[in-house]
Amino acid sequence: MSQSDKEPKRITVEINNRSYTIIGQEEPHHIRMVSNLVDQKMKEIYEANPTLDVSKLAVLTAVNTMNEYIKLKEECTELINYIEKIEKEEDN
C-alpha cells in the first residue's frame, strides 16, 4: 500500500438537501453510494412522517439503518453456519 493510499480522501455530498464534506479512507464512489443510500432512507422516512423535524428524522434513519444492518448480519451468520455444517457433513 503506497503512502497516497493512506491519505484521507475528501468529498462533498448532499444528504437531505444539505451539503456535507466527508473525509475518510474510502474511495469517492463508495462514499457517494453510502450518502445516496442515507439520503434515500431519509426521504422514505420523511414521506411516511412529513411532520418530523430534521433531528428526529436523522435518529429514525439511523435506527432503521442499524435495524437493517443487524438483520443482514444475523442472516450472514446463519448462512456461514449453514455452509460450515454442510462442509462438515461432506467431510464425513
PDB file of N, CA and C in Angstrom:
ATOM      1  N   MET A   1       0.852  -1.183   0.000  1.00  0.00           N
ATOM      2  CA  MET A   1       0.000   0.000   0.000  1.00  0.00           C
ATOM      3  C   MET A   1       0.891   1.237   0.000  1.00  0.00           C
ATOM      4  N   SER A   2       0.689   2.087  -0.956  1.00  0.00           N
ATOM      5  CA  SER A   2       1.514   3.292  -1.051  1.00  0.00           C
ATOM      6  C   SER A   2       1.043   4.348  -0.061  1.00  0.00           C
ATOM      7  N   GLN A   3       1.896   5.339   0.151  1.00  0.00           N
ATOM      8  CA  GLN A   3       1.558   6.425   1.079  1.00  0.00           C
ATOM      9  C   GLN A   3       0.294   7.157   0.632  1.00  0.00           C
ATOM     10  N   SER A   4       0.119   7.307  -0.699  1.00  0.00           N
ATOM     11  CA  SER A   4      -1.053   8.032  -1.192  1.00  0.00           C
ATOM     12  C   SER A   4      -2.349   7.288  -0.903  1.00  0.00           C
ATOM     13  N   ASP A   5      -2.278   5.929  -0.783  1.00  0.00           N
ATOM     14  CA  ASP A   5      -3.472   5.153  -0.446  1.00  0.00           C
ATOM     15  C   ASP A   5      -3.937   5.429   0.980  1.00  0.00           C
ATOM     16  N   LYS A   6      -3.014   5.877   1.831  1.00  0.00           N
ATOM     17  CA  LYS A   6      -3.353   6.138   3.224  1.00  0.00           C
ATOM     18  C   LYS A   6      -3.860   7.563   3.437  1.00  0.00           C
ATOM     19  N   GLU A   7      -3.688   8.400   2.439  1.00  0.00           N
ATOM     20  CA  GLU A   7      -4.129   9.795   2.557  1.00  0.00           C
ATOM     21  C   GLU A   7      -5.654   9.841   2.632  1.00  0.00           C
ATOM     22  N   PRO A   8      -6.200  10.594   3.564  1.00  0.00           N
ATOM     23  CA  PRO A   8      -7.658  10.729   3.620  1.00  0.00           C
ATOM     24  C   PRO A   8      -8.189  11.394   2.341  1.00  0.00           C
ATOM     25  N   LYS A   9      -9.329  10.917   1.918  1.00  0.00           N
ATOM     26  CA  LYS A   9      -9.982  11.487   0.749  1.00  0.00           C
ATOM     27  C   LYS A   9     -11.098  12.398   1.223  1.00  0.00           C
ATOM     28  N   ARG A  10     -11.288  13.497   0.523  1.00  0.00           N
ATOM     29  CA  ARG A  10     -12.307  14.480   0.893  1.00  0.00           C
ATOM     30  C   ARG A  10     -13.318  14.551  -0.250  1.00  0.00           C
ATOM     31  N   ILE A  11     -14.596  14.419   0.097  1.00  0.00           N
ATOM     32  CA  ILE A  11     -15.650  14.509  -0.908  1.00  0.00           C
ATOM     33  C   ILE A  11     -16.852  15.220  -0.301  1.00  0.00           C
ATOM     34  N   THR A  12     -17.489  16.050  -1.103  1.00  0.00           N
ATOM     35  CA  THR A  12     -18.694  16.742  -0.654  1.00  0.00           C
ATOM     36  C   THR A  12     -19.901  16.013  -1.235  1.00  0.00           C
ATOM     37  N   VAL A  13     -20.852  15.704  -0.365  1.00  0.00           N
ATOM     38  CA  VAL A  13     -22.073  15.002  -0.771  1.00  0.00           C
ATOM     39  C   VAL A  13     -23.279  15.795  -0.288  1.00  0.00           C
ATOM     40  N   GLU A  14     -24.430  15.456  -0.834  1.00  0.00           N
ATOM     41  CA  GLU A  14     -25.663  16.098  -0.395  1.00  0.00           C
ATOM     42  C   GLU A  14     -26.582  15.041   0.208  1.00  0.00           C
ATOM     43  N   ILE A  15     -27.004  15.314   1.430  1.00  0.00           N
ATOM     44  CA  ILE A  15     -27.942  14.439   2.130  1.00  0.00           C
ATOM     45  C   ILE A  15     -29.034  15.327   2.699  1.00  0.00           C
ATOM     46  N   ASN A  16     -30.265  14.990   2.373  1.00  0.00           N
ATOM     47  CA  ASN A  16     -31.418  15.744   2.858  1.00  0.00           C
ATOM     48  C   ASN A  16     -31.282  17.241   2.531  1.00  0.00           C
ATOM     49  N   ASN A  17     -30.866  17.515   1.295  1.00  0.00           N
ATOM     50  CA  ASN A  17     -30.733  18.883   0.779  1.00  0.00           C
ATOM     51  C   ASN A  17     -29.694  19.723   1.510  1.00  0.00           C
ATOM     52  N   ARG A  18     -28.737  19.073   2.154  1.00  0.00           N
ATOM     53  CA  ARG A  18     -27.639  19.785   2.822  1.00  0.00           C
ATOM     54  C   ARG A  18     -26.317  19.185   2.361  1.00  0.00           C
ATOM     55  N   SER A  19     -25.324  20.029   2.202  1.00  0.00           N
ATOM     56  CA  SER A  19     -24.005  19.562   1.792  1.00  0.00           C
ATOM     57  C   SER A  19     -23.175  19.175   3.007  1.00  0.00           C
ATOM     58  N   TYR A  20     -22.459  18.062   2.861  1.00  0.00           N
ATOM     59  CA  TYR A  20     -21.569  17.577   3.908  1.00  0.00           C
ATOM     60  C   TYR A  20     -20.236  17.215   3.264  1.00  0.00           C
ATOM     61  N   THR A  21     -19.153  17.593   3.903  1.00  0.00           N
ATOM     62  CA  THR A  21     -17.839  17.171   3.449  1.00  0.00           C
ATOM     63  C   THR A  21     -17.437  15.968   4.280  1.00  0.00           C
ATOM     64  N   ILE A  22     -17.189  14.880   3.593  1.00  0.00           N
ATOM     65  CA  ILE A  22     -16.824  13.628   4.252  1.00  0.00           C
ATOM     66  C   ILE A  22     -15.334  13.396   3.992  1.00  0.00           C
ATOM     67  N   ILE A  23     -14.602  13.089   5.040  1.00  0.00           N
ATOM     68  CA  ILE A  23     -13.181  12.805   4.923  1.00  0.00           C
ATOM     69  C   ILE A  23     -12.958  11.392   5.436  1.00  0.00           C
ATOM     70  N   GLY A  24     -12.337  10.565   4.597  1.00  0.00           N
ATOM     71  CA  GLY A  24     -12.102   9.196   5.024  1.00  0.00           C
ATOM     72  C   GLY A  24     -11.204   8.448   4.062  1.00  0.00           C
ATOM     73  N   GLN A  25     -11.002   7.193   4.344  1.00  0.00           N
ATOM     74  CA  GLN A  25     -10.125   6.341   3.549  1.00  0.00           C
ATOM     75  C   GLN A  25     -10.831   5.715   2.345  1.00  0.00           C
ATOM     76  N   GLU A  26     -12.140   5.678   2.374  1.00  0.00           N
ATOM     77  CA  GLU A  26     -12.882   5.023   1.307  1.00  0.00           C
ATOM     78  C   GLU A  26     -12.790   5.803  -0.002  1.00  0.00           C
ATOM     79  N   GLU A  27     -12.991   5.082  -1.088  1.00  0.00           N
ATOM     80  CA  GLU A  27     -12.989   5.705  -2.409  1.00  0.00           C
ATOM     81  C   GLU A  27     -14.205   6.614  -2.554  1.00  0.00           C
ATOM     82  N   PRO A  28     -14.080   7.691  -3.325  1.00  0.00           N
ATOM     83  CA  PRO A  28     -15.201   8.624  -3.504  1.00  0.00           C
ATOM     84  C   PRO A  28     -16.493   7.956  -3.980  1.00  0.00           C
ATOM     85  N   HIS A  29     -16.387   6.982  -4.893  1.00  0.00           N
ATOM     86  CA  HIS A  29     -17.621   6.331  -5.374  1.00  0.00           C
ATOM     87  C   HIS A  29     -18.326   5.588  -4.243  1.00  0.00           C
ATOM     88  N   HIS A  30     -17.558   5.031  -3.304  1.00  0.00           N
ATOM     89  CA  HIS A  30     -18.154   4.335  -2.160  1.00  0.00           C
ATOM     90  C   HIS A  30     -18.859   5.336  -1.234  1.00  0.00           C
ATOM     91  N   ILE A  31     -18.204   6.444  -0.977  1.00  0.00           N
ATOM     92  CA  ILE A  31     -18.793   7.478  -0.116  1.00  0.00           C
ATOM     93  C   ILE A  31     -20.068   8.016  -0.756  1.00  0.00           C
ATOM     94  N   ARG A  32     -20.047   8.234  -2.068  1.00  0.00           N
ATOM     95  CA  ARG A  32     -21.263   8.700  -2.762  1.00  0.00           C
ATOM     96  C   ARG A  32     -22.389   7.685  -2.650  1.00  0.00           C
ATOM     97  N   MET A  33     -22.059   6.401  -2.815  1.00  0.00           N
ATOM     98  CA  MET A  33     -23.067   5.356  -2.731  1.00  0.00           C
ATOM     99  C   MET A  33     -23.692   5.333  -1.335  1.00  0.00           C
ATOM    100  N   VAL A  34     -22.867   5.376  -0.302  1.00  0.00           N
ATOM    101  CA  VAL A  34     -23.375   5.369   1.076  1.00  0.00           C
ATOM    102  C   VAL A  34     -24.239   6.607   1.322  1.00  0.00           C
ATOM    103  N   SER A  35     -23.764   7.756   0.884  1.00  0.00           N
ATOM    104  CA  SER A  35     -24.503   9.006   1.070  1.00  0.00           C
ATOM    105  C   SER A  35     -25.848   8.963   0.354  1.00  0.00           C
ATOM    106  N   ASN A  36     -25.865   8.406  -0.849  1.00  0.00           N
ATOM    107  CA  ASN A  36     -27.122   8.281  -1.592  1.00  0.00           C
ATOM    108  C   ASN A  36     -28.103   7.368  -0.872  1.00  0.00           C
ATOM    109  N   LEU A  37     -27.596   6.288  -0.293  1.00  0.00           N
ATOM    110  CA  LEU A  37     -28.475   5.381   0.453  1.00  0.00           C
ATOM    111  C   LEU A  37     -29.052   6.058   1.696  1.00  0.00           C
ATOM    112  N   VAL A  38     -28.231   6.828   2.390  1.00  0.00           N
ATOM    113  CA  VAL A  38     -28.713   7.566   3.562  1.00  0.00           C
ATOM    114  C   VAL A  38     -29.780   8.571   3.129  1.00  0.00           C
ATOM    115  N   ASP A  39     -29.513   9.289   2.052  1.00  0.00           N
ATOM    116  CA  ASP A  39     -30.468  10.273   1.529  1.00  0.00           C
ATOM    117  C   ASP A  39     -31.784   9.605   1.145  1.00  0.00           C
ATOM    118  N   GLN A  40     -31.704   8.473   0.463  1.00  0.00           N
ATOM    119  CA  GLN A  40     -32.918   7.744   0.072  1.00  0.00           C
ATOM    120  C   GLN A  40     -33.710   7.299   1.294  1.00  0.00           C
ATOM    121  N   LYS A  41     -33.018   6.780   2.307  1.00  0.00           N
ATOM    122  CA  LYS A  41     -33.699   6.310   3.520  1.00  0.00           C
ATOM    123  C   LYS A  41     -34.373   7.475   4.234  1.00  0.00           C
ATOM    124  N   MET A  42     -33.697   8.635   4.288  1.00  0.00           N
ATOM    125  CA  MET A  42     -34.290   9.812   4.935  1.00  0.00           C
ATOM    126  C   MET A  42     -35.544  10.251   4.177  1.00  0.00           C
ATOM    127  N   LYS A  43     -35.484  10.247   2.854  1.00  0.00           N
ATOM    128  CA  LYS A  43     -36.658  10.627   2.051  1.00  0.00           C
ATOM    129  C   LYS A  43     -37.807   9.661   2.276  1.00  0.00           C
ATOM    130  N   GLU A  44     -37.491   8.372   2.330  1.00  0.00           N
ATOM    131  CA  GLU A  44     -38.507   7.340   2.564  1.00  0.00           C
ATOM    132  C   GLU A  44     -39.202   7.554   3.909  1.00  0.00           C
ATOM    133  N   ILE A  45     -38.431   7.802   4.944  1.00  0.00           N
ATOM    134  CA  ILE A  45     -38.994   8.004   6.282  1.00  0.00           C
ATOM    135  C   ILE A  45     -39.773   9.316   6.332  1.00  0.00           C
ATOM    136  N   TYR A  46     -39.236  10.353   5.705  1.00  0.00           N
ATOM    137  CA  TYR A  46     -39.912  11.652   5.706  1.00  0.00           C
ATOM    138  C   TYR A  46     -41.249  11.583   4.973  1.00  0.00           C
ATOM    139  N   GLU A  47     -41.299  10.841   3.869  1.00  0.00           N
ATOM    140  CA  GLU A  47     -42.562  10.704   3.129  1.00  0.00           C
ATOM    141  C   GLU A  47     -43.642  10.056   3.990  1.00  0.00           C
ATOM    142  N   ALA A  48     -43.239   9.131   4.845  1.00  0.00           N
ATOM    143  CA  ALA A  48     -44.196   8.465   5.729  1.00  0.00           C
ATOM    144  C   ALA A  48     -44.514   9.304   6.964  1.00  0.00           C
ATOM    145  N   ASN A  49     -43.626  10.259   7.312  1.00  0.00           N
ATOM    146  CA  ASN A  49     -43.785  11.084   8.515  1.00  0.00           C
ATOM    147  C   ASN A  49     -43.380  12.524   8.221  1.00  0.00           C
ATOM    148  N   PRO A  50     -44.156  13.253   7.420  1.00  0.00           N
ATOM    149  CA  PRO A  50     -43.735  14.592   6.988  1.00  0.00           C
ATOM    150  C   PRO A  50     -43.669  15.660   8.091  1.00  0.00           C
ATOM    151  N   THR A  51     -44.124  15.354   9.273  1.00  0.00           N
ATOM    152  CA  THR A  51     -44.063  16.343  10.352  1.00  0.00           C
ATOM    153  C   THR A  51     -42.782  16.241  11.180  1.00  0.00           C
ATOM    154  N   LEU A  52     -41.914  15.264  10.859  1.00  0.00           N
ATOM    155  CA  LEU A  52     -40.682  15.092  11.628  1.00  0.00           C
ATOM    156  C   LEU A  52     -39.730  16.253  11.412  1.00  0.00           C
ATOM    157  N   ASP A  53     -39.101  16.690  12.504  1.00  0.00           N
ATOM    158  CA  ASP A  53     -38.031  17.680  12.335  1.00  0.00           C
ATOM    159  C   ASP A  53     -36.758  16.931  11.930  1.00  0.00           C
ATOM    160  N   VAL A  54     -35.754  17.667  11.517  1.00  0.00           N
ATOM    161  CA  VAL A  54     -34.535  17.065  10.976  1.00  0.00           C
ATOM    162  C   VAL A  54     -33.849  16.165  11.993  1.00  0.00           C
ATOM    163  N   SER A  55     -33.824  16.562  13.233  1.00  0.00           N
ATOM    164  CA  SER A  55     -33.166  15.773  14.268  1.00  0.00           C
ATOM    165  C   SER A  55     -33.843  14.410  14.434  1.00  0.00           C
ATOM    166  N   LYS A  56     -35.153  14.414  14.539  1.00  0.00           N
ATOM    167  CA  LYS A  56     -35.881  13.149  14.687  1.00  0.00           C
ATOM    168  C   LYS A  56     -35.760  12.308  13.427  1.00  0.00           C
ATOM    169  N   LEU A  57     -35.783  12.955  12.275  1.00  0.00           N
ATOM    170  CA  LEU A  57     -35.621  12.249  11.006  1.00  0.00           C
ATOM    171  C   LEU A  57     -34.262  11.547  10.964  1.00  0.00           C
ATOM    172  N   ALA A  58     -33.222  12.242  11.406  1.00  0.00           N
ATOM    173  CA  ALA A  58     -31.876  11.659  11.416  1.00  0.00           C
ATOM    174  C   ALA A  58     -31.799  10.457  12.364  1.00  0.00           C
ATOM    175  N   VAL A  59     -32.403  10.581  13.540  1.00  0.00           N
ATOM    176  CA  VAL A  59     -32.371   9.479  14.506  1.00  0.00           C
ATOM    177  C   VAL A  59     -33.146   8.281  13.971  1.00  0.00           C
ATOM    178  N   LEU A  60     -34.321   8.515  13.407  1.00  0.00           N
ATOM    179  CA  LEU A  60     -35.100   7.406  12.847  1.00  0.00           C
ATOM    180  C   LEU A  60     -34.377   6.751  11.678  1.00  0.00           C
ATOM    181  N   THR A  61     -33.682   7.544  10.894  1.00  0.00           N
ATOM    182  CA  THR A  61     -32.894   6.989   9.794  1.00  0.00           C
ATOM    183  C   THR A  61     -31.790   6.094  10.344  1.00  0.00           C
ATOM    184  N   ALA A  62     -31.106   6.555  11.374  1.00  0.00           N
ATOM    185  CA  ALA A  62     -30.040   5.757  11.989  1.00  0.00           C
ATOM    186  C   ALA A  62     -30.602   4.469  12.584  1.00  0.00           C
ATOM    187  N   VAL A  63     -31.731   4.554  13.283  1.00  0.00           N
ATOM    188  CA  VAL A  63     -32.336   3.373  13.904  1.00  0.00           C
ATOM    189  C   VAL A  63     -32.763   2.368  12.832  1.00  0.00           C
ATOM    190  N   ASN A  64     -33.421   2.848  11.792  1.00  0.00           N
ATOM    191  CA  ASN A  64     -33.845   1.960  10.708  1.00  0.00           C
ATOM    192  C   ASN A  64     -32.650   1.312  10.017  1.00  0.00           C
ATOM    193  N   THR A  65     -31.620   2.090   9.782  1.00  0.00           N
ATOM    194  CA  THR A  65     -30.433   1.568   9.111  1.00  0.00           C
ATOM    195  C   THR A  65     -29.739   0.510   9.965  1.00  0.00           C
ATOM    196  N   MET A  66     -29.609   0.767  11.254  1.00  0.00           N
ATOM    197  CA  MET A  66     -28.981  -0.221  12.140  1.00  0.00           C
ATOM    198  C   MET A  66     -29.834  -1.477  12.256  1.00  0.00           C
ATOM    199  N   ASN A  67     -31.150  -1.320  12.253  1.00  0.00           N
ATOM    200  CA  ASN A  67     -32.034  -2.472  12.282  1.00  0.00           C
ATOM    201  C   ASN A  67     -31.794  -3.352  11.057  1.00  0.00           C
ATOM    202  N   GLU A  68     -31.719  -2.728   9.881  1.00  0.00           N
ATOM    203  CA  GLU A  68     -31.454  -3.475   8.654  1.00  0.00           C
ATOM    204  C   GLU A  68     -30.077  -4.128   8.712  1.00  0.00           C
ATOM    205  N   TYR A  69     -29.085  -3.407   9.224  1.00  0.00           N
ATOM    206  CA  TYR A  69     -27.728  -3.936   9.342  1.00  0.00           C
ATOM    207  C   TYR A  69     -27.705  -5.180  10.234  1.00  0.00           C
ATOM    208  N   ILE A  70     -28.351  -5.104  11.387  1.00  0.00           N
ATOM    209  CA  ILE A  70     -28.357  -6.233  12.321  1.00  0.00           C
ATOM    210  C   ILE A  70     -29.042  -7.439  11.697  1.00  0.00           C
ATOM    211  N   LYS A  71     -30.165  -7.215  11.011  1.00  0.00           N
ATOM    212  CA  LYS A  71     -30.850  -8.330  10.351  1.00  0.00           C
ATOM    213  C   LYS A  71     -29.953  -8.976   9.297  1.00  0.00           C
ATOM    214  N   LEU A  72     -29.272  -8.168   8.488  1.00  0.00           N
ATOM    215  CA  LEU A  72     -28.369  -8.710   7.475  1.00  0.00           C
ATOM    216  C   LEU A  72     -27.199  -9.455   8.112  1.00  0.00           C
ATOM    217  N   LYS A  73     -26.676  -8.916   9.197  1.00  0.00           N
ATOM    218  CA  LYS A  73     -25.570  -9.566   9.900  1.00  0.00           C
ATOM    219  C   LYS A  73     -26.008 -10.926  10.446  1.00  0.00           C
ATOM    220  N   GLU A  74     -27.215 -10.988  10.996  1.00  0.00           N
ATOM    221  CA  GLU A  74     -27.742 -12.255  11.514  1.00  0.00           C
ATOM    222  C   GLU A  74     -27.932 -13.258  10.379  1.00  0.00           C
ATOM    223  N   GLU A  75     -28.462 -12.797   9.240  1.00  0.00           N
ATOM    224  CA  GLU A  75     -28.630 -13.675   8.083  1.00  0.00           C
ATOM    225  C   GLU A  75     -27.283 -14.191   7.590  1.00  0.00           C
ATOM    226  N   CYS A  76     -26.293 -13.330   7.571  1.00  0.00           N
ATOM    227  CA  CYS A  76     -24.952 -13.715   7.144  1.00  0.00           C
ATOM    228  C   CYS A  76     -24.382 -14.776   8.083  1.00  0.00           C
ATOM    229  N   THR A  77     -24.545 -14.581   9.375  1.00  0.00           N
ATOM    230  CA  THR A  77     -24.061 -15.550  10.356  1.00  0.00           C
ATOM    231  C   THR A  77     -24.759 -16.892  10.167  1.00  0.00           C
ATOM    232  N   GLU A  78     -26.072 -16.862   9.935  1.00  0.00           N
ATOM    233  CA  GLU A  78     -26.827 -18.099   9.702  1.00  0.00           C
ATOM    234  C   GLU A  78     -26.319 -18.819   8.454  1.00  0.00           C
ATOM    235  N   LEU A  79     -26.061 -18.060   7.392  1.00  0.00           N
ATOM    236  CA  LEU A  79     -25.550 -18.668   6.161  1.00  0.00           C
ATOM    237  C   LEU A  79     -24.167 -19.274   6.363  1.00  0.00           C
ATOM    238  N   ILE A  80     -23.304 -18.563   7.069  1.00  0.00           N
ATOM    239  CA  ILE A  80     -21.969 -19.085   7.350  1.00  0.00           C
ATOM    240  C   ILE A  80     -22.062 -20.371   8.156  1.00  0.00           C
ATOM    241  N   ASN A  81     -22.918 -20.381   9.183  1.00  0.00           N
ATOM    242  CA  ASN A  81     -23.103 -21.584   9.995  1.00  0.00           C
ATOM    243  C   ASN A  81     -23.647 -22.733   9.155  1.00  0.00           C
ATOM    244  N   TYR A  82     -24.577 -22.437   8.255  1.00  0.00           N
ATOM    245  CA  TYR A  82     -25.150 -23.461   7.380  1.00  0.00           C
ATOM    246  C   TYR A  82     -24.084 -24.040   6.454  1.00  0.00           C
ATOM    247  N   ILE A  83     -23.272 -23.170   5.870  1.00  0.00           N
ATOM    248  CA  ILE A  83     -22.200 -23.621   4.974  1.00  0.00           C
ATOM    249  C   ILE A  83     -21.197 -24.486   5.735  1.00  0.00           C
ATOM    250  N   GLU A  84     -20.821 -24.048   6.943  1.00  0.00           N
ATOM    251  CA  GLU A  84     -19.885 -24.835   7.751  1.00  0.00           C
ATOM    252  C   GLU A  84     -20.467 -26.196   8.101  1.00  0.00           C
ATOM    253  N   LYS A  85     -21.756 -26.249   8.384  1.00  0.00           N
ATOM    254  CA  LYS A  85     -22.422 -27.510   8.697  1.00  0.00           C
ATOM    255  C   LYS A  85     -22.386 -28.446   7.500  1.00  0.00           C
ATOM    256  N   ILE A  86     -22.689 -27.914   6.318  1.00  0.00           N
ATOM    257  CA  ILE A  86     -22.676 -28.726   5.103  1.00  0.00           C
ATOM    258  C   ILE A  86     -21.262 -29.223   4.799  1.00  0.00           C
ATOM    259  N   GLU A  87     -20.263 -28.352   4.975  1.00  0.00           N
ATOM    260  CA  GLU A  87     -18.874 -28.742   4.735  1.00  0.00           C
ATOM    261  C   GLU A  87     -18.453 -29.852   5.679  1.00  0.00           C
ATOM    262  N   LYS A  88     -18.879 -29.784   6.941  1.00  0.00           N
ATOM    263  CA  LYS A  88     -18.541 -30.844   7.901  1.00  0.00           C
ATOM    264  C   LYS A  88     -19.204 -32.152   7.518  1.00  0.00           C
ATOM    265  N   GLU A  89     -20.457 -32.085   7.053  1.00  0.00           N
ATOM    266  CA  GLU A  89     -21.167 -33.288   6.648  1.00  0.00           C
ATOM    267  C   GLU A  89     -20.496 -33.929   5.430  1.00  0.00           C
ATOM    268  N   GLU A  90     -20.004 -33.089   4.517  1.00  0.00           N
ATOM    269  CA  GLU A  90     -19.331 -33.612   3.320  1.00  0.00           C
ATOM    270  C   GLU A  90     -18.001 -34.270   3.667  1.00  0.00           C
ATOM    271  N   ASP A  91     -17.338 -33.772   4.719  1.00  0.00           N
ATOM    272  CA  ASP A  91     -16.057 -34.337   5.149  1.00  0.00           C
ATOM    273  C   ASP A  91     -16.224 -35.694   5.800  1.00  0.00           C
ATOM    274  N   ASN A  92     -17.417 -35.990   6.300  1.00  0.00           N
ATOM    275  CA  ASN A  92     -17.669 -37.274   7.000  1.00  0.00           C
ATOM    276  C   ASN A  92     -18.060 -38.357   6.040  1.00  0.00           C
TER     277      ASN A  92
END
